[in-house]
Amino acid sequence: MHLIYVAVLVGCLLVTLPLEIVLRVRVYARWRRWLAAVLPVAICFVCWDLYAISRHQWWYDGRQILGWRLAGRLPIEELLFFLVVPTCAILGFEAVRAVTGWRAGDER
């Protein structure tokens, strides 16, 4: 049961990986662009979680995580969540663009 959080994250990546390979959306190939999209949000949410943990308003069930914690008692899975879920969303967005030919920001 302690691998459930990691299993969900791996599942998310596995389900969206074909979008990168089959549709060639190049999210992973454009890593600087990915980093610019994901990193600011991840930093905000990590800070938010760290604050909530420090105030005892937020906690993680030790039976569902690996037990590896970063500074401030943040589970490694939570950091990975803030990287994996937005990555999957970007892959989905880019897949829609690839299939439809839609240019992001082109509202015509």
C-alpha atoms as a PDB file:
ATOM      1  CA  MET A   1       0.000   0.000   0.000  1.00  0.00           C
ATOM      2  CA  HIS A   2       2.939   2.365   0.560  1.00  0.00           C
ATOM      3  CA  LEU A   3       3.573   2.624  -3.183  1.00  0.00           C
ATOM      4  CA  ILE A   4       0.107   3.889  -4.093  1.00  0.00           C
ATOM      5  CA  TYR A   5       1.129   7.530  -4.550  1.00  0.00           C
ATOM      6  CA  VAL A   6       4.136   6.595  -6.684  1.00  0.00           C
ATOM      7  CA  ALA A   7       2.036   4.104  -8.650  1.00  0.00           C
ATOM      8  CA  VAL A   8      -0.488   6.801  -9.552  1.00  0.00           C
ATOM      9  CA  LEU A   9       2.298   9.123 -10.722  1.00  0.00           C
ATOM     10  CA  VAL A  10       3.944   6.377 -12.786  1.00  0.00           C
ATOM     11  CA  GLY A  11       0.551   5.502 -14.238  1.00  0.00           C
ATOM     12  CA  CYS A  12      -0.010   9.107 -15.276  1.00  0.00           C
ATOM     13  CA  LEU A  13       3.345   9.177 -17.048  1.00  0.00           C
ATOM     14  CA  LEU A  14       2.798   5.819 -18.736  1.00  0.00           C
ATOM     15  CA  VAL A  15      -0.645   6.790 -20.006  1.00  0.00           C
ATOM     16  CA  THR A  16       0.630  10.039 -21.533  1.00  0.00           C
ATOM     17  CA  LEU A  17       3.981   8.752 -22.837  1.00  0.00           C
ATOM     18  CA  PRO A  18       2.456   7.560 -26.132  1.00  0.00           C
ATOM     19  CA  LEU A  19       1.485  11.181 -26.831  1.00  0.00           C
ATOM     20  CA  GLU A  20       5.169  12.090 -26.867  1.00  0.00           C
ATOM     21  CA  ILE A  21       6.159   9.096 -28.978  1.00  0.00           C
ATOM     22  CA  VAL A  22       3.253   8.601 -31.391  1.00  0.00           C
ATOM     23  CA  LEU A  23       2.171  12.201 -31.892  1.00  0.00           C
ATOM     24  CA  ARG A  24       5.694  13.601 -31.490  1.00  0.00           C
ATOM     25  CA  VAL A  25       4.528  16.515 -29.375  1.00  0.00           C
ATOM     26  CA  ARG A  26       8.130  17.064 -28.190  1.00  0.00           C
ATOM     27  CA  VAL A  27       7.340  18.123 -24.631  1.00  0.00           C
ATOM     28  CA  TYR A  28      10.350  16.235 -23.261  1.00  0.00           C
ATOM     29  CA  ALA A  29      12.589  17.367 -26.126  1.00  0.00           C
ATOM     30  CA  ARG A  30      11.836  21.022 -25.333  1.00  0.00           C
ATOM     31  CA  TRP A  31      12.917  20.706 -21.714  1.00  0.00           C
ATOM     32  CA  ARG A  32      13.671  24.413 -21.228  1.00  0.00           C
ATOM     33  CA  ARG A  33      10.132  25.284 -22.265  1.00  0.00           C
ATOM     34  CA  TRP A  34       8.768  22.549 -20.002  1.00  0.00           C
ATOM     35  CA  LEU A  35      10.860  23.838 -17.107  1.00  0.00           C
ATOM     36  CA  ALA A  36       9.631  27.413 -17.641  1.00  0.00           C
ATOM     37  CA  ALA A  37       6.033  26.184 -17.526  1.00  0.00           C
ATOM     38  CA  VAL A  38       6.286  23.766 -14.609  1.00  0.00           C
ATOM     39  CA  LEU A  39       8.948  25.122 -12.256  1.00  0.00           C
ATOM     40  CA  PRO A  40       7.265  28.381 -11.101  1.00  0.00           C
ATOM     41  CA  VAL A  41       4.044  26.566 -10.267  1.00  0.00           C
ATOM     42  CA  ALA A  42       5.894  23.709  -8.550  1.00  0.00           C
ATOM     43  CA  ILE A  43       7.819  26.189  -6.399  1.00  0.00           C
ATOM     44  CA  CYS A  44       4.596  27.936  -5.327  1.00  0.00           C
ATOM     45  CA  PHE A  45       2.858  24.688  -4.419  1.00  0.00           C
ATOM     46  CA  VAL A  46       5.895  23.276  -2.603  1.00  0.00           C
ATOM     47  CA  CYS A  47       6.065  26.453  -0.515  1.00  0.00           C
ATOM     48  CA  TRP A  48       2.330  26.219   0.148  1.00  0.00           C
ATOM     49  CA  ASP A  49       2.641  22.592   1.236  1.00  0.00           C
ATOM     50  CA  LEU A  50       5.648  23.329   3.432  1.00  0.00           C
ATOM     51  CA  TYR A  51       3.736  26.108   5.140  1.00  0.00           C
ATOM     52  CA  ALA A  52       0.675  23.906   5.679  1.00  0.00           C
ATOM     53  CA  ILE A  53       2.860  21.087   7.025  1.00  0.00           C
ATOM     54  CA  SER A  54       4.633  23.460   9.431  1.00  0.00           C
ATOM     55  CA  ARG A  55       1.252  24.663  10.736  1.00  0.00           C
ATOM     56  CA  HIS A  56       0.011  21.064  11.115  1.00  0.00           C
ATOM     57  CA  GLN A  57      -2.796  21.780   8.649  1.00  0.00           C
ATOM     58  CA  TRP A  58      -1.548  19.226   6.134  1.00  0.00           C
ATOM     59  CA  TRP A  59      -0.162  15.745   6.525  1.00  0.00           C
ATOM     60  CA  TYR A  60       0.554  12.614   4.513  1.00  0.00           C
ATOM     61  CA  ASP A  61      -0.477   9.094   5.368  1.00  0.00           C
ATOM     62  CA  GLY A  62       2.767   7.238   6.017  1.00  0.00           C
ATOM     63  CA  ARG A  63       1.168   4.009   4.794  1.00  0.00           C
ATOM     64  CA  GLN A  64       0.785   5.408   1.289  1.00  0.00           C
ATOM     65  CA  ILE A  65       4.151   7.065   0.724  1.00  0.00           C
ATOM     66  CA  LEU A  66       7.718   5.818   0.483  1.00  0.00           C
ATOM     67  CA  GLY A  67       8.802   7.679   3.581  1.00  0.00           C
ATOM     68  CA  TRP A  68      11.516   9.742   1.874  1.00  0.00           C
ATOM     69  CA  ARG A  69      11.031  13.323   2.907  1.00  0.00           C
ATOM     70  CA  LEU A  70      12.643  16.530   1.785  1.00  0.00           C
ATOM     71  CA  ALA A  71      13.426  19.463   4.050  1.00  0.00           C
ATOM     72  CA  GLY A  72      10.311  20.548   5.891  1.00  0.00           C
ATOM     73  CA  ARG A  73       8.929  16.978   5.947  1.00  0.00           C
ATOM     74  CA  LEU A  74       7.638  17.171   2.365  1.00  0.00           C
ATOM     75  CA  PRO A  75       7.333  13.666   0.898  1.00  0.00           C
ATOM     76  CA  ILE A  76       9.264  13.129  -2.313  1.00  0.00           C
ATOM     77  CA  GLU A  77       6.012  11.985  -3.935  1.00  0.00           C
ATOM     78  CA  GLU A  78       4.484  15.414  -3.380  1.00  0.00           C
ATOM     79  CA  LEU A  79       7.337  17.122  -5.200  1.00  0.00           C
ATOM     80  CA  LEU A  80       6.998  14.570  -7.995  1.00  0.00           C
ATOM     81  CA  PHE A  81       3.253  15.251  -8.115  1.00  0.00           C
ATOM     82  CA  PHE A  82       3.947  18.924  -8.816  1.00  0.00           C
ATOM     83  CA  LEU A  83       6.168  17.891 -11.729  1.00  0.00           C
ATOM     84  CA  VAL A  84       4.290  14.888 -13.132  1.00  0.00           C
ATOM     85  CA  VAL A  85       0.705  16.179 -13.220  1.00  0.00           C
ATOM     86  CA  PRO A  86       1.505  19.442 -15.029  1.00  0.00           C
ATOM     87  CA  THR A  87       3.724  17.489 -17.431  1.00  0.00           C
ATOM     88  CA  CYS A  88       0.827  15.182 -18.263  1.00  0.00           C
ATOM     89  CA  ALA A  89      -1.455  18.181 -18.739  1.00  0.00           C
ATOM     90  CA  ILE A  90       1.046  19.785 -21.101  1.00  0.00           C
ATOM     91  CA  LEU A  91       1.355  16.512 -23.021  1.00  0.00           C
ATOM     92  CA  GLY A  92      -2.429  16.371 -23.352  1.00  0.00           C
ATOM     93  CA  PHE A  93      -2.614  19.986 -24.478  1.00  0.00           C
ATOM     94  CA  GLU A  94       0.136  19.498 -27.054  1.00  0.00           C
ATOM     95  CA  ALA A  95      -1.543  16.310 -28.281  1.00  0.00           C
ATOM     96  CA  VAL A  96      -4.774  18.211 -28.925  1.00  0.00           C
ATOM     97  CA  ARG A  97      -2.794  20.845 -30.804  1.00  0.00           C
ATOM     98  CA  ALA A  98      -1.008  18.173 -32.858  1.00  0.00           C
ATOM     99  CA  VAL A  99      -4.213  16.377 -33.829  1.00  0.00           C
ATOM    100  CA  THR A 100      -6.360  19.448 -34.536  1.00  0.00           C
ATOM    101  CA  GLY A 101      -3.705  21.774 -35.926  1.00  0.00           C
ATOM    102  CA  TRP A 102      -4.822  24.384 -33.411  1.00  0.00           C
ATOM    103  CA  ARG A 103      -2.269  27.060 -32.646  1.00  0.00           C
ATOM    104  CA  ALA A 104      -2.328  28.039 -28.987  1.00  0.00           C
ATOM    105  CA  GLY A 105      -3.384  31.652 -28.597  1.00  0.00           C
ATOM    106  CA  ASP A 106      -4.967  31.756 -32.055  1.00  0.00           C
ATOM    107  CA  GLU A 107      -8.583  32.487 -31.200  1.00  0.00           C
ATOM    108  CA  ARG A 108      -9.873  32.945 -34.762  1.00  0.00           C
END
